[in-house]
Protein backbone atom coordinates (compact mmCIF):
# COMPACT_ATOMS: atom_id res chain seq x y z
CA UNK A 1 27.38 15.88 -10.42
CA UNK A 2 24.68 16.87 -7.91
CA UNK A 3 27.17 18.33 -5.53
CA UNK A 4 28.43 20.66 -8.48
CA UNK A 5 24.99 21.57 -9.67
CA UNK A 6 24.37 22.39 -5.70
CA UNK A 7 27.38 24.64 -5.71
CA UNK A 8 26.33 26.42 -8.92
CA UNK A 9 23.29 27.09 -7.07
CA UNK A 10 25.04 28.29 -3.98
CA UNK A 11 27.17 30.91 -5.90
CA UNK A 12 24.29 32.15 -8.25
CA UNK A 13 22.29 33.06 -4.98
CA UNK A 14 24.91 34.82 -3.31
CA UNK A 15 26.04 36.71 -6.39
CA UNK A 16 22.31 37.79 -6.73
CA UNK A 17 21.63 38.89 -3.07
CA UNK A 18 20.32 42.24 -1.95
CA UNK A 19 21.25 44.08 0.94
CA UNK A 20 18.00 43.57 2.83
CA UNK A 21 17.01 40.03 2.16
CA UNK A 22 13.88 38.26 2.99
CA UNK A 23 15.24 34.83 2.87
CA UNK A 24 18.72 34.56 4.49
CA UNK A 25 20.34 32.22 6.82
CA UNK A 26 17.67 29.78 5.86
CA UNK A 27 19.37 26.90 7.62
CA UNK A 28 18.53 28.62 10.91
CA UNK A 29 14.82 27.88 10.12
CA UNK A 30 15.16 24.06 9.21
CA UNK A 31 14.02 23.29 12.80
CA UNK A 32 15.93 20.77 15.18
CA UNK A 33 14.68 17.88 17.45
CA UNK A 34 13.05 15.10 15.86
CA UNK A 35 10.01 15.17 18.18
CA UNK A 36 9.26 18.47 16.95
CA UNK A 37 9.61 17.50 13.31
CA UNK A 38 7.07 14.91 13.91
CA UNK A 39 4.58 17.44 14.91
CA UNK A 40 4.96 19.47 11.98
CA UNK A 41 7.52 21.97 13.66
CA UNK A 42 4.41 23.28 15.78
CA UNK A 43 5.97 23.54 19.18
CA UNK A 44 6.20 27.10 19.86
CA UNK A 45 3.87 27.25 22.54
CA UNK A 46 4.46 24.04 24.15
CA UNK A 47 8.27 23.73 24.09
CA UNK A 48 9.74 22.98 27.57
CA UNK A 49 12.98 21.63 27.30
CA UNK A 50 16.55 21.88 26.69
CA UNK A 51 15.37 22.28 22.67
CA UNK A 52 13.60 25.30 23.68
CA UNK A 53 16.77 27.36 22.83
CA UNK A 54 15.64 26.73 19.17
CA UNK A 55 11.85 26.69 19.33
CA UNK A 56 11.30 29.52 22.11
CA UNK A 57 13.76 30.40 24.74
CA UNK A 58 11.23 30.92 27.14
CA UNK A 59 10.50 27.05 27.51
CA UNK A 60 13.94 26.53 29.22
CA UNK A 61 12.76 27.72 32.56
CA UNK A 62 10.98 24.21 32.60
CA UNK A 63 14.22 22.63 32.57
CA UNK A 64 14.55 21.24 36.48
CA UNK A 65 18.28 20.06 36.07
CA UNK A 66 20.99 19.58 33.25
CA UNK A 67 19.79 18.49 29.92
CA UNK A 68 21.63 17.89 26.60
CA UNK A 69 20.59 17.00 23.40
CA UNK A 70 21.73 15.72 19.76
CA UNK A 71 20.22 15.54 16.57
CA UNK A 72 21.44 14.22 12.82
CA UNK A 73 19.31 14.71 9.87
CA UNK A 74 20.29 14.42 5.79
CA UNK A 75 18.75 16.69 3.36
CA UNK A 76 18.78 16.57 -0.56
CA UNK A 77 18.91 12.89 -0.70
CA UNK A 78 21.99 12.57 1.59
CA UNK A 79 23.83 15.25 -0.10
CA UNK A 80 23.33 17.75 2.85
CA UNK A 81 24.45 16.72 6.39
CA UNK A 82 22.42 18.86 9.23
CA UNK A 83 23.68 18.26 12.81
CA UNK A 84 22.89 20.00 16.24
CA UNK A 85 23.73 19.80 19.83
CA UNK A 86 22.45 21.60 22.69
CA UNK A 87 23.02 21.86 26.66
CA UNK A 88 20.92 23.45 29.33
CA UNK A 89 20.99 23.85 33.15
CA UNK A 90 19.21 25.91 35.50
CA UNK A 91 20.75 28.72 37.21
CA UNK A 92 18.54 29.17 40.17
CA UNK A 93 14.70 28.71 40.60
CA UNK A 94 13.80 31.38 38.21
CA UNK A 95 15.92 31.56 35.42
CA UNK A 96 17.91 29.20 33.36
CA UNK A 97 21.05 29.35 30.80
CA UNK A 98 21.79 27.05 27.35
CA UNK A 99 23.86 26.88 24.58
CA UNK A 100 23.75 25.34 21.27
CA UNK A 101 25.55 24.66 18.09
CA UNK A 102 24.27 23.84 14.61
CA UNK A 103 26.31 22.93 11.35
CA UNK A 104 24.43 22.15 7.84
CA UNK A 105 27.00 21.51 5.07
CA UNK A 106 27.38 20.09 2.00
CA UNK A 107 31.04 18.49 1.81
CA UNK A 108 33.28 17.06 -0.78
CA UNK A 109 32.03 19.42 -3.67
CA UNK A 110 34.09 19.14 -6.72
CA UNK A 111 35.75 22.32 -7.64
CA UNK A 112 36.63 22.25 -11.37
CA UNK A 113 37.33 25.91 -11.77
CA UNK A 114 40.94 24.65 -12.94
CA UNK A 115 40.14 21.62 -14.87
CA UNK A 116 40.50 23.20 -18.20
CA UNK A 117 43.76 25.25 -18.78
CA UNK A 118 44.39 28.54 -20.87
CA UNK A 119 45.26 26.27 -23.95
CA UNK A 120 41.87 24.23 -23.84
CA UNK A 121 43.57 20.93 -22.28
CA UNK A 122 41.68 18.90 -19.51
CA UNK A 123 43.58 18.06 -16.61
CA UNK A 124 41.65 16.08 -14.15
CA UNK A 125 44.36 16.34 -11.59
CA UNK A 126 43.31 19.82 -11.07
CA UNK A 127 39.98 18.94 -9.42
CA UNK A 128 39.81 19.55 -5.67
CA UNK A 129 37.47 19.00 -3.43
CA UNK A 130 36.02 21.89 -0.82
CA UNK A 131 32.81 22.16 1.41
CA UNK A 132 30.09 24.73 1.71
CA UNK A 133 28.79 25.29 5.45
CA UNK A 134 26.89 27.05 7.45
CA UNK A 135 27.29 27.45 11.24
CA UNK A 136 25.57 28.81 14.18
CA UNK A 137 26.45 29.12 18.18
CA UNK A 138 23.57 30.19 19.99
CA UNK A 139 23.46 31.48 23.67
CA UNK A 140 20.29 31.68 25.62
CA UNK A 141 19.01 33.05 28.94
CA UNK A 142 15.34 32.43 30.12
CA UNK A 143 13.32 33.59 33.21
CA UNK A 144 9.99 33.34 35.24
CA UNK A 145 8.29 36.77 35.47
CA UNK A 146 6.27 38.09 38.23
CA UNK A 147 2.94 37.20 36.20
CA UNK A 148 2.12 33.67 37.39
CA UNK A 149 2.79 31.71 34.10
CA UNK A 150 4.95 33.58 32.37
CA UNK A 151 8.18 33.26 31.01
CA UNK A 152 10.84 35.23 28.76
CA UNK A 153 13.42 34.29 26.91
CA UNK A 154 16.51 35.69 24.75
CA UNK A 155 18.70 33.92 22.30
CA UNK A 156 21.97 35.54 21.06
CA UNK A 157 23.72 33.86 17.68
CA UNK A 158 26.64 33.99 15.91
CA UNK A 159 26.72 32.74 12.59
CA UNK A 160 29.51 31.89 10.35
CA UNK A 161 28.81 30.66 6.66
CA UNK A 162 31.93 29.44 4.61
CA UNK A 163 31.93 28.53 0.94
CA UNK A 164 35.10 26.75 0.32
CA UNK A 165 37.86 29.60 -0.27
CA UNK A 166 35.75 31.24 -2.31
CA UNK A 167 33.65 33.40 0.19
CA UNK A 168 33.00 33.48 3.97
CA UNK A 169 30.97 35.57 6.59
CA UNK A 170 30.14 36.43 10.06
CA UNK A 171 26.89 37.31 11.85
CA UNK A 172 25.41 38.15 14.74
CA UNK A 173 21.50 38.52 15.76
CA UNK A 174 18.83 38.29 18.68
CA UNK A 175 15.82 36.22 19.24
CA UNK A 176 13.20 36.94 21.87
CA UNK A 177 10.41 35.00 23.02
CA UNK A 178 7.30 34.86 25.50
CA UNK A 179 5.20 31.73 26.80
CA UNK A 180 2.41 31.58 29.05
CA UNK A 181 0.61 28.70 30.45
CA UNK A 182 -2.83 29.02 32.31
CA UNK A 183 -4.18 26.83 35.02
CA UNK A 184 -6.15 24.79 32.47
CA UNK A 185 -3.38 23.86 30.74
CA UNK A 186 -3.90 25.91 27.67
CA UNK A 187 -0.24 27.39 26.50
CA UNK A 188 0.57 30.05 24.17
CA UNK A 189 3.86 31.02 22.86
CA UNK A 190 5.36 33.91 20.61
CA UNK A 191 8.85 33.84 19.10
CA UNK A 192 10.37 36.71 17.30
CA UNK A 193 13.27 35.75 15.25
CA UNK A 194 16.14 38.14 14.11
CA UNK A 195 14.33 40.88 16.19
CA UNK A 196 16.91 43.58 15.56
CA UNK A 197 17.42 42.02 12.01
CA UNK A 198 20.65 39.45 11.89
CA UNK A 199 23.65 40.63 9.34
CA UNK A 200 26.15 38.72 7.68
CA UNK A 201 29.42 40.51 6.71
CA UNK A 202 30.65 38.58 3.59
CA UNK A 203 34.24 38.65 2.64
CA UNK A 204 34.93 37.46 -0.99
CA UNK A 205 38.30 35.94 -2.37
CA UNK A 206 38.29 37.95 -5.73
CA UNK A 207 41.29 35.72 -7.14
CA UNK A 208 38.92 32.50 -6.79
CA UNK A 209 35.96 34.71 -7.52
CA UNK A 210 37.54 35.50 -10.86
CA UNK A 211 37.85 31.88 -11.60
CA UNK A 212 33.99 31.08 -11.49
CA UNK A 213 32.91 34.90 -12.36
CA UNK A 214 31.48 33.78 -15.48
CA UNK A 215 30.74 29.93 -14.72
CA UNK A 216 26.73 30.31 -15.99
CA UNK A 217 26.80 32.58 -18.89
CA UNK A 218 25.49 35.91 -18.63
CA UNK A 219 25.39 35.36 -14.89
CA UNK A 220 27.71 36.11 -11.83
CA UNK A 221 29.27 39.02 -13.84
CA UNK A 222 29.71 41.29 -10.64
CA UNK A 223 30.94 40.53 -6.92
CA UNK A 224 28.02 39.83 -4.71
CA UNK A 225 27.20 42.16 -2.21
CA UNK A 226 29.10 41.84 0.89
CA UNK A 227 26.17 42.83 3.65
CA UNK A 228 23.05 40.89 4.40
CA UNK A 229 20.30 41.98 6.87
CA UNK A 230 17.75 39.47 7.81
CA UNK A 231 14.31 40.44 8.33
CA UNK A 232 12.46 39.61 11.77
CA UNK A 233 10.06 36.55 11.31
CA UNK A 234 7.23 36.06 13.88
CA UNK A 235 5.96 32.52 15.03
CA UNK A 236 2.59 32.21 17.50
CA UNK A 237 1.38 29.08 18.85
CA UNK A 238 -1.54 27.95 21.11
CA UNK A 239 -1.43 24.16 22.72
CA UNK A 240 -3.60 22.37 24.72
CA UNK A 241 -2.68 19.11 26.56
CA UNK A 242 -5.16 16.88 28.29
CA UNK A 243 -5.41 13.52 29.62
CA UNK A 244 -7.49 11.33 27.01
CA UNK A 245 -7.61 8.40 29.86
CA UNK A 246 -5.68 7.21 32.79
CA UNK A 247 -2.65 6.12 31.17
CA UNK A 248 -2.66 8.37 27.81
CA UNK A 249 -2.42 12.05 27.07
CA UNK A 250 -2.97 14.06 24.09
CA UNK A 251 -0.99 17.34 23.07
CA UNK A 252 -2.25 19.29 20.27
CA UNK A 253 -0.76 22.70 19.00
CA UNK A 254 -1.52 25.11 15.84
CA UNK A 255 1.25 27.36 15.00
CA UNK A 256 1.27 30.56 12.36
CA UNK A 257 4.77 31.30 11.25
CA UNK A 258 4.99 34.87 9.80
CA UNK A 259 7.33 37.03 7.20
CA UNK A 260 7.06 40.44 6.68
CA UNK A 261 7.27 39.83 2.77
CA UNK A 262 5.54 38.06 -0.25
CA UNK A 263 6.09 34.72 -0.36
CA UNK A 264 4.29 31.16 -1.90
CA UNK A 265 2.66 30.88 1.52
CA UNK A 266 -1.04 29.88 1.53
CA UNK A 267 -1.82 33.29 3.21
CA UNK A 268 0.33 35.98 1.57
CA UNK A 269 0.17 39.65 0.79
CA UNK A 270 3.06 41.88 -0.13
CA UNK A 271 3.28 43.02 3.37
CA UNK A 272 2.73 39.79 5.46
CA UNK A 273 2.96 36.10 4.83
CA UNK A 274 1.43 32.98 7.14
CA UNK A 275 2.37 29.47 6.81
CA UNK A 276 0.07 27.55 9.37
CA UNK A 277 1.41 24.33 10.85
CA UNK A 278 -0.54 21.66 13.21
CA UNK A 279 0.58 18.80 15.46
CA UNK A 280 -0.82 16.05 17.55
CA UNK A 281 1.20 13.86 20.15
CA UNK A 282 -0.20 11.03 21.67
CA UNK A 283 1.73 9.52 24.83
CA UNK A 284 1.67 6.35 26.79
CA UNK A 285 2.54 7.14 30.24
CA UNK A 286 4.94 9.56 29.00
CA UNK A 287 7.16 6.65 27.92
CA UNK A 288 5.95 5.96 24.26
CA UNK A 289 5.16 8.68 22.10
CA UNK A 290 3.12 8.69 18.28
CA UNK A 291 3.33 12.31 16.44
CA UNK A 292 1.68 13.68 13.69
CA UNK A 293 1.83 16.60 12.03
CA UNK A 294 1.32 19.15 8.90
CA UNK A 295 3.35 22.15 7.64
CA UNK A 296 4.53 24.30 4.95
CA UNK A 297 1.26 25.08 3.00
CA UNK A 298 2.36 26.36 -0.21
CA UNK A 299 0.48 27.42 -3.35
CA UNK A 300 1.87 27.70 -6.90
CA UNK A 301 0.76 28.71 -10.27
CA UNK A 302 1.60 26.69 -13.22
CA UNK A 303 2.49 27.73 -17.11
CA UNK A 304 -1.26 27.69 -17.86
CA UNK A 305 -2.17 29.91 -14.89
CA UNK A 306 -4.04 27.46 -12.53
CA UNK A 307 -3.17 27.52 -8.89
CA UNK A 308 -2.40 24.26 -6.89
CA UNK A 309 -1.61 23.87 -3.31
CA UNK A 310 0.87 21.74 -1.53
CA UNK A 311 1.28 20.67 2.00
CA UNK A 312 3.98 18.29 3.90
CA UNK A 313 2.77 15.69 6.37
CA UNK A 314 5.03 14.61 9.14
CA UNK A 315 5.31 11.53 11.23
CA UNK A 316 7.45 10.65 14.34
CA UNK A 317 7.69 8.23 17.48
CA UNK A 318 9.87 8.18 20.47
CA UNK A 319 10.40 6.33 23.26
CA UNK A 320 11.76 7.48 26.94
CA UNK A 321 13.32 5.18 29.53
CA UNK A 322 14.20 6.93 32.74
CA UNK A 323 16.31 10.40 31.66
CA UNK A 324 17.23 9.04 27.87
CA UNK A 325 14.62 9.84 25.26
CA UNK A 326 14.95 8.74 21.47
CA UNK A 327 13.18 10.45 18.66
CA UNK A 328 12.45 9.62 15.08
CA UNK A 329 10.53 11.63 12.63
CA UNK A 330 9.95 11.11 8.74
CA UNK A 331 9.55 14.70 7.58
CA UNK A 332 9.16 16.94 4.37
CA UNK A 333 7.42 14.03 2.75
CA UNK A 334 6.56 14.91 -0.67
CA UNK A 335 8.15 18.51 -0.13
CA UNK A 336 7.51 20.93 -3.05
CA UNK A 337 11.42 21.74 -3.02
CA UNK A 338 11.99 18.32 -4.54
CA UNK A 339 13.39 16.49 -1.30
CA UNK A 340 11.16 13.53 -0.82
CA UNK A 341 11.69 12.82 2.59
CA UNK A 342 14.12 13.82 5.37
CA UNK A 343 15.05 11.04 8.22
CA UNK A 344 15.53 12.86 11.43
CA UNK A 345 17.28 11.14 14.59
CA UNK A 346 17.50 12.93 18.12
CA UNK A 347 18.46 12.02 21.78
CA UNK A 348 17.83 14.07 24.65
CA UNK A 349 19.12 13.09 27.97
CA UNK A 350 17.86 14.49 31.48
CA UNK A 351 20.23 14.10 34.02
CA UNK A 352 17.73 14.52 37.09
CA UNK A 353 17.04 10.99 36.48
CA UNK A 354 20.60 9.67 37.30
CA UNK A 355 20.97 11.62 40.40
């Protein structure tokens, strides 16, 4: 039942799209790496491993040898499966190459478009299953610039989205980023997502669309737009790392996530909306990690006109032994979207420890 309702929402969203969207390819905004989720996704300035291909490609310059990463998470109480894999390798002393694959999908959705025939008879044998899935393949390049402490990163992405046999799309986009680190351990980062605007070109199966055109009375009456353009987004971060004692270290970061449209973000106008995020990481000898973070500051106006504000706390732990790091995050706690929480697991392997 839940998956059937989810399918209807997907179709409704697709049918009411505009060519230039403020919200498109949103699965690419979920994030990767349990360590980053534990910090409330506030890692734009401090990211410096294989997962930088997503957060800030400029951080890939800190990868000294081959690194790989895997992540699995579940959303909507397990209905949505989110998986990610990445690989990074230095090219030389000043540049690094990385690739990543992302899939977010809802599988085994009931297709009831032929449940009732033209005479009104119900035939459960006509029910079939399908998947609604989003895919992204990323290729990134990072390079140290002549200015000491300044790094540049570029990420290209190919996006494929598929809703069973009903519709599918292909898209392409580019992200660009910078990171700067001072001698006093201050770190700054900026990430511009969809800097060229990311497009998705949809193909609609007209025969299949005709079957569900009137699934919601008064809705889905016209074929949806076949071209989406995703607006650029900017993320800016400031981080500071320091030693609390001989064995304990602290990393703190604050990020600002900016969209060029009006949203429910706590800071919002018709031209720009800003959602802040903050995270803290405590580590013991770079072996055991404890993380806390907050993000997704949103405001809502109820039917009485009263404004309420919500925020999502996050919590995470991690353990590293030689070149293997395991991380867990409990994220989206009390999310306004209705998802009570998400369990996120990830693993990172650094080959340099095994040479």
